[in-house]
Amino acid sequence: VNNQKMAVPYRPDEHLRVTLRGQRLYLVTDFELVVSFGGRKNAVISLPSMYRGLVRGLCGNYDENRKNEMLLPSGALTQNLSTFGNSWEVKTEDALLRFP
């Protein structure tokens, strides 16, 4: 965290906990978003079904429509992976989560 090694399990606040199960590292939020890392190139992101159709971003819309997965923040569709990925970049000063 912030270039510091932290022991796991780690709980920076009441909204986030970090655990290790086997070789996978899990980040779990208080609203049940789960991000698990299995190595350098493997991450799995999951949300409860109550968020179906309510999210947008790099992981798609969670609305079971594969044709609109590459929506930009503006609502326009793109086929360019770089344009898509770069459009969702969050500048550090705009980030929602900050750790002391």
PDB file of N, CA and C in Angstrom:
ATOM      1  N   VAL A   1       0.855  -1.170   0.000  1.00  0.00           N
ATOM      2  CA  VAL A   1       0.000   0.000   0.000  1.00  0.00           C
ATOM      3  C   VAL A   1       0.899   1.230   0.000  1.00  0.00           C
ATOM      4  N   ASN A   2       0.689   2.110  -0.977  1.00  0.00           N
ATOM      5  CA  ASN A   2       1.522   3.317  -1.072  1.00  0.00           C
ATOM      6  C   ASN A   2       3.014   2.994  -0.989  1.00  0.00           C
ATOM      7  N   ASN A   3       3.424   1.973  -1.744  1.00  0.00           N
ATOM      8  CA  ASN A   3       4.817   1.524  -1.817  1.00  0.00           C
ATOM      9  C   ASN A   3       5.354   0.930  -0.518  1.00  0.00           C
ATOM     10  N   GLN A   4       4.473   0.513   0.371  1.00  0.00           N
ATOM     11  CA  GLN A   4       4.881  -0.122   1.622  1.00  0.00           C
ATOM     12  C   GLN A   4       4.354  -1.553   1.652  1.00  0.00           C
ATOM     13  N   LYS A   5       5.177  -2.502   2.096  1.00  0.00           N
ATOM     14  CA  LYS A   5       4.714  -3.879   2.257  1.00  0.00           C
ATOM     15  C   LYS A   5       3.817  -3.944   3.482  1.00  0.00           C
ATOM     16  N   MET A   6       2.698  -4.656   3.338  1.00  0.00           N
ATOM     17  CA  MET A   6       1.748  -4.796   4.436  1.00  0.00           C
ATOM     18  C   MET A   6       1.525  -6.277   4.707  1.00  0.00           C
ATOM     19  N   ALA A   7       1.331  -6.627   5.963  1.00  0.00           N
ATOM     20  CA  ALA A   7       1.008  -8.005   6.319  1.00  0.00           C
ATOM     21  C   ALA A   7      -0.452  -8.283   5.974  1.00  0.00           C
ATOM     22  N   VAL A   8      -0.725  -9.504   5.563  1.00  0.00           N
ATOM     23  CA  VAL A   8      -2.086  -9.930   5.235  1.00  0.00           C
ATOM     24  C   VAL A   8      -2.508 -10.930   6.297  1.00  0.00           C
ATOM     25  N   PRO A   9      -3.713 -10.857   6.846  1.00  0.00           N
ATOM     26  CA  PRO A   9      -4.804  -9.977   6.428  1.00  0.00           C
ATOM     27  C   PRO A   9      -4.538  -8.521   6.813  1.00  0.00           C
ATOM     28  N   TYR A  10      -5.109  -7.640   5.986  1.00  0.00           N
ATOM     29  CA  TYR A  10      -4.934  -6.204   6.159  1.00  0.00           C
ATOM     30  C   TYR A  10      -6.295  -5.542   6.041  1.00  0.00           C
ATOM     31  N   ARG A  11      -6.577  -4.618   6.938  1.00  0.00           N
ATOM     32  CA  ARG A  11      -7.853  -3.905   6.916  1.00  0.00           C
ATOM     33  C   ARG A  11      -7.581  -2.422   7.155  1.00  0.00           C
ATOM     34  N   PRO A  12      -7.438  -1.639   6.070  1.00  0.00           N
ATOM     35  CA  PRO A  12      -7.113  -0.225   6.232  1.00  0.00           C
ATOM     36  C   PRO A  12      -8.235   0.588   6.853  1.00  0.00           C
ATOM     37  N   ASP A  13      -9.477   0.134   6.659  1.00  0.00           N
ATOM     38  CA  ASP A  13     -10.633   0.793   7.266  1.00  0.00           C
ATOM     39  C   ASP A  13     -11.817  -0.166   7.230  1.00  0.00           C
ATOM     40  N   GLU A  14     -12.976   0.302   7.650  1.00  0.00           N
ATOM     41  CA  GLU A  14     -14.151  -0.572   7.719  1.00  0.00           C
ATOM     42  C   GLU A  14     -14.745  -0.898   6.349  1.00  0.00           C
ATOM     43  N   HIS A  15     -14.248  -0.272   5.294  1.00  0.00           N
ATOM     44  CA  HIS A  15     -14.804  -0.470   3.952  1.00  0.00           C
ATOM     45  C   HIS A  15     -14.034  -1.481   3.106  1.00  0.00           C
ATOM     46  N   LEU A  16     -12.833  -1.857   3.521  1.00  0.00           N
ATOM     47  CA  LEU A  16     -11.986  -2.721   2.695  1.00  0.00           C
ATOM     48  C   LEU A  16     -11.202  -3.692   3.559  1.00  0.00           C
ATOM     49  N   ARG A  17     -11.127  -4.934   3.079  1.00  0.00           N
ATOM     50  CA  ARG A  17     -10.249  -5.902   3.737  1.00  0.00           C
ATOM     51  C   ARG A  17      -9.476  -6.664   2.662  1.00  0.00           C
ATOM     52  N   VAL A  18      -8.275  -7.046   2.998  1.00  0.00           N
ATOM     53  CA  VAL A  18      -7.399  -7.772   2.088  1.00  0.00           C
ATOM     54  C   VAL A  18      -7.033  -9.081   2.764  1.00  0.00           C
ATOM     55  N   THR A  19      -7.260 -10.187   2.050  1.00  0.00           N
ATOM     56  CA  THR A  19      -6.956 -11.502   2.599  1.00  0.00           C
ATOM     57  C   THR A  19      -6.191 -12.320   1.568  1.00  0.00           C
ATOM     58  N   LEU A  20      -5.630 -13.425   2.026  1.00  0.00           N
ATOM     59  CA  LEU A  20      -4.902 -14.340   1.159  1.00  0.00           C
ATOM     60  C   LEU A  20      -5.472 -15.729   1.374  1.00  0.00           C
ATOM     61  N   ARG A  21      -5.878 -16.383   0.272  1.00  0.00           N
ATOM     62  CA  ARG A  21      -6.344 -17.772   0.327  1.00  0.00           C
ATOM     63  C   ARG A  21      -5.561 -18.557  -0.713  1.00  0.00           C
ATOM     64  N   GLY A  22      -4.740 -19.468  -0.251  1.00  0.00           N
ATOM     65  CA  GLY A  22      -3.876 -20.198  -1.170  1.00  0.00           C
ATOM     66  C   GLY A  22      -2.917 -19.223  -1.831  1.00  0.00           C
ATOM     67  N   GLN A  23      -2.896 -19.218  -3.155  1.00  0.00           N
ATOM     68  CA  GLN A  23      -2.028 -18.323  -3.913  1.00  0.00           C
ATOM     69  C   GLN A  23      -2.752 -17.075  -4.399  1.00  0.00           C
ATOM     70  N   ARG A  24      -4.012 -16.880  -3.990  1.00  0.00           N
ATOM     71  CA  ARG A  24      -4.803 -15.733  -4.465  1.00  0.00           C
ATOM     72  C   ARG A  24      -4.949 -14.685  -3.368  1.00  0.00           C
ATOM     73  N   LEU A  25      -4.764 -13.429  -3.776  1.00  0.00           N
ATOM     74  CA  LEU A  25      -4.954 -12.283  -2.893  1.00  0.00           C
ATOM     75  C   LEU A  25      -6.332 -11.701  -3.187  1.00  0.00           C
ATOM     76  N   TYR A  26      -7.119 -11.447  -2.160  1.00  0.00           N
ATOM     77  CA  TYR A  26      -8.486 -10.940  -2.324  1.00  0.00           C
ATOM     78  C   TYR A  26      -8.628  -9.565  -1.691  1.00  0.00           C
ATOM     79  N   LEU A  27      -9.224  -8.648  -2.448  1.00  0.00           N
ATOM     80  CA  LEU A  27      -9.646  -7.354  -1.927  1.00  0.00           C
ATOM     81  C   LEU A  27     -11.163  -7.398  -1.894  1.00  0.00           C
ATOM     82  N   VAL A  28     -11.754  -7.174  -0.738  1.00  0.00           N
ATOM     83  CA  VAL A  28     -13.205  -7.270  -0.578  1.00  0.00           C
ATOM     84  C   VAL A  28     -13.708  -5.975   0.044  1.00  0.00           C
ATOM     85  N   THR A  29     -14.680  -5.349  -0.628  1.00  0.00           N
ATOM     86  CA  THR A  29     -15.240  -4.097  -0.117  1.00  0.00           C
ATOM     87  C   THR A  29     -16.480  -4.360   0.718  1.00  0.00           C
ATOM     88  N   ASP A  30     -16.925  -3.335   1.415  1.00  0.00           N
ATOM     89  CA  ASP A  30     -18.135  -3.463   2.225  1.00  0.00           C
ATOM     90  C   ASP A  30     -19.398  -3.572   1.372  1.00  0.00           C
ATOM     91  N   PHE A  31     -19.325  -3.261   0.075  1.00  0.00           N
ATOM     92  CA  PHE A  31     -20.492  -3.426  -0.802  1.00  0.00           C
ATOM     93  C   PHE A  31     -20.351  -4.673  -1.680  1.00  0.00           C
ATOM     94  N   GLU A  32     -19.445  -5.582  -1.281  1.00  0.00           N
ATOM     95  CA  GLU A  32     -19.284  -6.918  -1.838  1.00  0.00           C
ATOM     96  C   GLU A  32     -18.621  -6.988  -3.209  1.00  0.00           C
ATOM     97  N   LEU A  33     -17.917  -5.941  -3.603  1.00  0.00           N
ATOM     98  CA  LEU A  33     -17.048  -6.032  -4.767  1.00  0.00           C
ATOM     99  C   LEU A  33     -15.849  -6.866  -4.345  1.00  0.00           C
ATOM    100  N   VAL A  34     -15.493  -7.865  -5.148  1.00  0.00           N
ATOM    101  CA  VAL A  34     -14.348  -8.719  -4.841  1.00  0.00           C
ATOM    102  C   VAL A  34     -13.389  -8.683  -6.022  1.00  0.00           C
ATOM    103  N   VAL A  35     -12.135  -8.382  -5.734  1.00  0.00           N
ATOM    104  CA  VAL A  35     -11.078  -8.439  -6.740  1.00  0.00           C
ATOM    105  C   VAL A  35     -10.069  -9.453  -6.235  1.00  0.00           C
ATOM    106  N   SER A  36      -9.828 -10.491  -7.030  1.00  0.00           N
ATOM    107  CA  SER A  36      -8.829 -11.478  -6.624  1.00  0.00           C
ATOM    108  C   SER A  36      -7.700 -11.500  -7.640  1.00  0.00           C
ATOM    109  N   PHE A  37      -6.481 -11.606  -7.128  1.00  0.00           N
ATOM    110  CA  PHE A  37      -5.281 -11.625  -7.950  1.00  0.00           C
ATOM    111  C   PHE A  37      -4.617 -12.982  -7.810  1.00  0.00           C
ATOM    112  N   GLY A  38      -4.300 -13.587  -8.952  1.00  0.00           N
ATOM    113  CA  GLY A  38      -3.666 -14.892  -8.924  1.00  0.00           C
ATOM    114  C   GLY A  38      -2.262 -14.882  -9.478  1.00  0.00           C
ATOM    115  N   GLY A  39      -1.676 -13.746  -9.598  1.00  0.00           N
ATOM    116  CA  GLY A  39      -0.336 -13.646 -10.161  1.00  0.00           C
ATOM    117  C   GLY A  39      -0.206 -12.386 -10.976  1.00  0.00           C
ATOM    118  N   ARG A  40       0.839 -12.320 -11.745  1.00  0.00           N
ATOM    119  CA  ARG A  40       1.135 -11.103 -12.495  1.00  0.00           C
ATOM    120  C   ARG A  40       0.093 -10.740 -13.542  1.00  0.00           C
ATOM    121  N   LYS A  41      -0.551 -11.714 -14.158  1.00  0.00           N
ATOM    122  CA  LYS A  41      -1.438 -11.420 -15.280  1.00  0.00           C
ATOM    123  C   LYS A  41      -2.856 -11.917 -15.066  1.00  0.00           C
ATOM    124  N   ASN A  42      -3.242 -12.206 -13.850  1.00  0.00           N
ATOM    125  CA  ASN A  42      -4.560 -12.776 -13.634  1.00  0.00           C
ATOM    126  C   ASN A  42      -5.287 -12.060 -12.513  1.00  0.00           C
ATOM    127  N   ALA A  43      -6.430 -11.481 -12.856  1.00  0.00           N
ATOM    128  CA  ALA A  43      -7.298 -10.853 -11.857  1.00  0.00           C
ATOM    129  C   ALA A  43      -8.736 -11.206 -12.205  1.00  0.00           C
ATOM    130  N   VAL A  44      -9.544 -11.422 -11.191  1.00  0.00           N
ATOM    131  CA  VAL A  44     -10.967 -11.701 -11.372  1.00  0.00           C
ATOM    132  C   VAL A  44     -11.734 -10.693 -10.529  1.00  0.00           C
ATOM    133  N   ILE A  45     -12.707 -10.041 -11.151  1.00  0.00           N
ATOM    134  CA  ILE A  45     -13.527  -9.047 -10.462  1.00  0.00           C
ATOM    135  C   ILE A  45     -14.957  -9.548 -10.447  1.00  0.00           C
ATOM    136  N   SER A  46     -15.589  -9.516  -9.283  1.00  0.00           N
ATOM    137  CA  SER A  46     -16.983  -9.960  -9.214  1.00  0.00           C
ATOM    138  C   SER A  46     -17.807  -9.000  -8.364  1.00  0.00           C
ATOM    139  N   LEU A  47     -19.082  -8.929  -8.728  1.00  0.00           N
ATOM    140  CA  LEU A  47     -20.062  -8.093  -8.038  1.00  0.00           C
ATOM    141  C   LEU A  47     -21.311  -8.913  -7.794  1.00  0.00           C
ATOM    142  N   PRO A  48     -22.052  -8.635  -6.738  1.00  0.00           N
ATOM    143  CA  PRO A  48     -23.333  -9.308  -6.537  1.00  0.00           C
ATOM    144  C   PRO A  48     -24.317  -8.932  -7.650  1.00  0.00           C
ATOM    145  N   SER A  49     -25.272  -9.796  -7.914  1.00  0.00           N
ATOM    146  CA  SER A  49     -26.234  -9.570  -8.999  1.00  0.00           C
ATOM    147  C   SER A  49     -27.083  -8.324  -8.794  1.00  0.00           C
ATOM    148  N   MET A  50     -27.160  -7.804  -7.587  1.00  0.00           N
ATOM    149  CA  MET A  50     -27.948  -6.587  -7.355  1.00  0.00           C
ATOM    150  C   MET A  50     -27.400  -5.388  -8.136  1.00  0.00           C
ATOM    151  N   TYR A  51     -26.157  -5.484  -8.630  1.00  0.00           N
ATOM    152  CA  TYR A  51     -25.553  -4.402  -9.407  1.00  0.00           C
ATOM    153  C   TYR A  51     -25.732  -4.579 -10.915  1.00  0.00           C
ATOM    154  N   ARG A  52     -26.439  -5.639 -11.325  1.00  0.00           N
ATOM    155  CA  ARG A  52     -26.635  -5.910 -12.754  1.00  0.00           C
ATOM    156  C   ARG A  52     -27.243  -4.698 -13.448  1.00  0.00           C
ATOM    157  N   GLY A  53     -26.577  -4.245 -14.506  1.00  0.00           N
ATOM    158  CA  GLY A  53     -27.049  -3.105 -15.286  1.00  0.00           C
ATOM    159  C   GLY A  53     -26.795  -1.744 -14.661  1.00  0.00           C
ATOM    160  N   LEU A  54     -26.132  -1.708 -13.517  1.00  0.00           N
ATOM    161  CA  LEU A  54     -25.925  -0.439 -12.809  1.00  0.00           C
ATOM    162  C   LEU A  54     -24.485   0.055 -12.851  1.00  0.00           C
ATOM    163  N   VAL A  55     -23.605  -0.698 -13.475  1.00  0.00           N
ATOM    164  CA  VAL A  55     -22.196  -0.319 -13.493  1.00  0.00           C
ATOM    165  C   VAL A  55     -21.711  -0.126 -14.923  1.00  0.00           C
ATOM    166  N   ARG A  56     -20.607   0.605 -15.054  1.00  0.00           N
ATOM    167  CA  ARG A  56     -19.937   0.802 -16.341  1.00  0.00           C
ATOM    168  C   ARG A  56     -18.443   0.805 -16.076  1.00  0.00           C
ATOM    169  N   GLY A  57     -17.674   0.586 -17.119  1.00  0.00           N
ATOM    170  CA  GLY A  57     -16.233   0.690 -16.950  1.00  0.00           C
ATOM    171  C   GLY A  57     -15.470  -0.414 -17.636  1.00  0.00           C
ATOM    172  N   LEU A  58     -14.249  -0.633 -17.176  1.00  0.00           N
ATOM    173  CA  LEU A  58     -13.357  -1.588 -17.818  1.00  0.00           C
ATOM    174  C   LEU A  58     -13.882  -3.011 -17.799  1.00  0.00           C
ATOM    175  N   CYS A  59     -14.735  -3.338 -16.875  1.00  0.00           N
ATOM    176  CA  CYS A  59     -15.273  -4.697 -16.789  1.00  0.00           C
ATOM    177  C   CYS A  59     -16.623  -4.828 -17.475  1.00  0.00           C
ATOM    178  N   GLY A  60     -17.037  -3.823 -18.196  1.00  0.00           N
ATOM    179  CA  GLY A  60     -18.311  -3.896 -18.904  1.00  0.00           C
ATOM    180  C   GLY A  60     -19.454  -3.338 -18.088  1.00  0.00           C
ATOM    181  N   ASN A  61     -20.660  -3.645 -18.547  1.00  0.00           N
ATOM    182  CA  ASN A  61     -21.863  -3.058 -17.959  1.00  0.00           C
ATOM    183  C   ASN A  61     -22.633  -4.003 -17.053  1.00  0.00           C
ATOM    184  N   TYR A  62     -22.273  -5.287 -17.076  1.00  0.00           N
ATOM    185  CA  TYR A  62     -22.960  -6.284 -16.255  1.00  0.00           C
ATOM    186  C   TYR A  62     -24.447  -6.307 -16.593  1.00  0.00           C
ATOM    187  N   ASP A  63     -24.731  -6.253 -17.920  1.00  0.00           N
ATOM    188  CA  ASP A  63     -26.125  -6.283 -18.357  1.00  0.00           C
ATOM    189  C   ASP A  63     -26.396  -7.405 -19.359  1.00  0.00           C
ATOM    190  N   GLU A  64     -25.429  -8.319 -19.514  1.00  0.00           N
ATOM    191  CA  GLU A  64     -25.535  -9.487 -20.388  1.00  0.00           C
ATOM    192  C   GLU A  64     -25.635  -9.136 -21.871  1.00  0.00           C
ATOM    193  N   ASN A  65     -25.295  -7.904 -22.255  1.00  0.00           N
ATOM    194  CA  ASN A  65     -25.294  -7.483 -23.651  1.00  0.00           C
ATOM    195  C   ASN A  65     -23.843  -7.288 -24.078  1.00  0.00           C
ATOM    196  N   ARG A  66     -23.285  -8.269 -24.769  1.00  0.00           N
ATOM    197  CA  ARG A  66     -21.873  -8.207 -25.161  1.00  0.00           C
ATOM    198  C   ARG A  66     -21.594  -7.131 -26.202  1.00  0.00           C
ATOM    199  N   LYS A  67     -22.608  -6.627 -26.858  1.00  0.00           N
ATOM    200  CA  LYS A  67     -22.405  -5.622 -27.904  1.00  0.00           C
ATOM    201  C   LYS A  67     -22.091  -4.239 -27.342  1.00  0.00           C
ATOM    202  N   ASN A  68     -22.345  -4.004 -26.063  1.00  0.00           N
ATOM    203  CA  ASN A  68     -22.086  -2.673 -25.495  1.00  0.00           C
ATOM    204  C   ASN A  68     -20.985  -2.681 -24.436  1.00  0.00           C
ATOM    205  N   GLU A  69     -20.122  -3.665 -24.477  1.00  0.00           N
ATOM    206  CA  GLU A  69     -19.072  -3.784 -23.462  1.00  0.00           C
ATOM    207  C   GLU A  69     -17.985  -2.727 -23.594  1.00  0.00           C
ATOM    208  N   MET A  70     -17.850  -2.115 -24.750  1.00  0.00           N
ATOM    209  CA  MET A  70     -16.767  -1.150 -24.978  1.00  0.00           C
ATOM    210  C   MET A  70     -17.288   0.283 -24.948  1.00  0.00           C
ATOM    211  N   LEU A  71     -18.168   0.565 -23.988  1.00  0.00           N
ATOM    212  CA  LEU A  71     -18.697   1.922 -23.838  1.00  0.00           C
ATOM    213  C   LEU A  71     -17.670   2.825 -23.169  1.00  0.00           C
ATOM    214  N   LEU A  72     -17.508   3.999 -23.720  1.00  0.00           N
ATOM    215  CA  LEU A  72     -16.652   5.018 -23.120  1.00  0.00           C
ATOM    216  C   LEU A  72     -17.450   5.763 -22.049  1.00  0.00           C
ATOM    217  N   PRO A  73     -16.797   6.487 -21.160  1.00  0.00           N
ATOM    218  CA  PRO A  73     -17.529   7.268 -20.153  1.00  0.00           C
ATOM    219  C   PRO A  73     -18.552   8.221 -20.767  1.00  0.00           C
ATOM    220  N   SER A  74     -18.316   8.646 -21.994  1.00  0.00           N
ATOM    221  CA  SER A  74     -19.248   9.555 -22.679  1.00  0.00           C
ATOM    222  C   SER A  74     -20.510   8.847 -23.149  1.00  0.00           C
ATOM    223  N   GLY A  75     -20.502   7.508 -23.140  1.00  0.00           N
ATOM    224  CA  GLY A  75     -21.636   6.738 -23.637  1.00  0.00           C
ATOM    225  C   GLY A  75     -21.456   6.261 -25.063  1.00  0.00           C
ATOM    226  N   ALA A  76     -20.400   6.719 -25.741  1.00  0.00           N
ATOM    227  CA  ALA A  76     -20.113   6.294 -27.115  1.00  0.00           C
ATOM    228  C   ALA A  76     -19.446   4.919 -27.099  1.00  0.00           C
ATOM    229  N   LEU A  77     -19.681   4.140 -28.146  1.00  0.00           N
ATOM    230  CA  LEU A  77     -19.026   2.846 -28.300  1.00  0.00           C
ATOM    231  C   LEU A  77     -17.726   3.010 -29.074  1.00  0.00           C
ATOM    232  N   THR A  78     -16.737   2.186 -28.746  1.00  0.00           N
ATOM    233  CA  THR A  78     -15.489   2.156 -29.502  1.00  0.00           C
ATOM    234  C   THR A  78     -15.107   0.707 -29.739  1.00  0.00           C
ATOM    235  N   GLN A  79     -14.298   0.470 -30.734  1.00  0.00           N
ATOM    236  CA  GLN A  79     -13.728  -0.852 -30.978  1.00  0.00           C
ATOM    237  C   GLN A  79     -12.230  -0.850 -30.689  1.00  0.00           C
ATOM    238  N   ASN A  80     -11.686   0.318 -30.362  1.00  0.00           N
ATOM    239  CA  ASN A  80     -10.258   0.472 -30.125  1.00  0.00           C
ATOM    240  C   ASN A  80      -9.940   0.208 -28.653  1.00  0.00           C
ATOM    241  N   LEU A  81      -9.176  -0.856 -28.392  1.00  0.00           N
ATOM    242  CA  LEU A  81      -8.865  -1.238 -27.007  1.00  0.00           C
ATOM    243  C   LEU A  81      -8.102  -0.161 -26.247  1.00  0.00           C
ATOM    244  N   SER A  82      -7.156   0.490 -26.897  1.00  0.00           N
ATOM    245  CA  SER A  82      -6.389   1.542 -26.221  1.00  0.00           C
ATOM    246  C   SER A  82      -7.272   2.727 -25.864  1.00  0.00           C
ATOM    247  N   THR A  83      -8.117   3.133 -26.796  1.00  0.00           N
ATOM    248  CA  THR A  83      -9.046   4.237 -26.532  1.00  0.00           C
ATOM    249  C   THR A  83      -9.954   3.883 -25.367  1.00  0.00           C
ATOM    250  N   PHE A  84     -10.475   2.657 -25.382  1.00  0.00           N
ATOM    251  CA  PHE A  84     -11.365   2.201 -24.317  1.00  0.00           C
ATOM    252  C   PHE A  84     -10.655   2.217 -22.963  1.00  0.00           C
ATOM    253  N   GLY A  85      -9.501   1.573 -22.884  1.00  0.00           N
ATOM    254  CA  GLY A  85      -8.772   1.501 -21.619  1.00  0.00           C
ATOM    255  C   GLY A  85      -8.363   2.863 -21.097  1.00  0.00           C
ATOM    256  N   ASN A  86      -7.812   3.684 -21.962  1.00  0.00           N
ATOM    257  CA  ASN A  86      -7.360   5.014 -21.541  1.00  0.00           C
ATOM    258  C   ASN A  86      -8.512   5.917 -21.121  1.00  0.00           C
ATOM    259  N   SER A  87      -9.690   5.701 -21.679  1.00  0.00           N
ATOM    260  CA  SER A  87     -10.826   6.569 -21.352  1.00  0.00           C
ATOM    261  C   SER A  87     -11.291   6.403 -19.906  1.00  0.00           C
ATOM    262  N   TRP A  88     -10.995   5.251 -19.308  1.00  0.00           N
ATOM    263  CA  TRP A  88     -11.444   4.992 -17.937  1.00  0.00           C
ATOM    264  C   TRP A  88     -10.374   5.293 -16.895  1.00  0.00           C
ATOM    265  N   GLU A  89      -9.251   5.870 -17.301  1.00  0.00           N
ATOM    266  CA  GLU A  89      -8.202   6.226 -16.346  1.00  0.00           C
ATOM    267  C   GLU A  89      -8.730   7.250 -15.344  1.00  0.00           C
ATOM    268  N   VAL A  90      -8.434   7.015 -14.082  1.00  0.00           N
ATOM    269  CA  VAL A  90      -8.819   7.951 -13.021  1.00  0.00           C
ATOM    270  C   VAL A  90      -7.549   8.615 -12.518  1.00  0.00           C
ATOM    271  N   LYS A  91      -7.507   9.916 -12.590  1.00  0.00           N
ATOM    272  CA  LYS A  91      -6.358  10.657 -12.079  1.00  0.00           C
ATOM    273  C   LYS A  91      -6.317  10.516 -10.564  1.00  0.00           C
ATOM    274  N   THR A  92      -5.136  10.446  -9.998  1.00  0.00           N
ATOM    275  CA  THR A  92      -4.976  10.244  -8.558  1.00  0.00           C
ATOM    276  C   THR A  92      -5.784  11.243  -7.742  1.00  0.00           C
ATOM    277  N   GLU A  93      -5.792  12.498  -8.155  1.00  0.00           N
ATOM    278  CA  GLU A  93      -6.508  13.512  -7.380  1.00  0.00           C
ATOM    279  C   GLU A  93      -8.029  13.329  -7.433  1.00  0.00           C
ATOM    280  N   ASP A  94      -8.519  12.532  -8.402  1.00  0.00           N
ATOM    281  CA  ASP A  94      -9.955  12.281  -8.522  1.00  0.00           C
ATOM    282  C   ASP A  94     -10.379  10.954  -7.907  1.00  0.00           C
ATOM    283  N   ALA A  95      -9.433  10.161  -7.406  1.00  0.00           N
ATOM    284  CA  ALA A  95      -9.741   8.829  -6.896  1.00  0.00           C
ATOM    285  C   ALA A  95     -10.656   8.900  -5.682  1.00  0.00           C
ATOM    286  N   LEU A  96     -11.530   7.902  -5.574  1.00  0.00           N
ATOM    287  CA  LEU A  96     -12.458   7.851  -4.447  1.00  0.00           C
ATOM    288  C   LEU A  96     -11.788   7.341  -3.180  1.00  0.00           C
ATOM    289  N   LEU A  97     -10.899   6.356  -3.318  1.00  0.00           N
ATOM    290  CA  LEU A  97     -10.245   5.769  -2.153  1.00  0.00           C
ATOM    291  C   LEU A  97      -8.845   6.332  -1.997  1.00  0.00           C
ATOM    292  N   ARG A  98      -8.549   6.762  -0.817  1.00  0.00           N
ATOM    293  CA  ARG A  98      -7.189   7.208  -0.504  1.00  0.00           C
ATOM    294  C   ARG A  98      -6.816   6.621   0.843  1.00  0.00           C
ATOM    295  N   PHE A  99      -5.591   6.170   0.940  1.00  0.00           N
ATOM    296  CA  PHE A  99      -5.113   5.616   2.196  1.00  0.00           C
ATOM    297  C   PHE A  99      -4.108   6.575   2.805  1.00  0.00           C
ATOM    298  N   PRO A 100      -4.154   6.726   4.110  1.00  0.00           N
ATOM    299  CA  PRO A 100      -3.224   7.651   4.771  1.00  0.00           C
ATOM    300  C   PRO A 100      -1.778   7.236   4.587  1.00  0.00           C
TER     301      PRO A 100
END
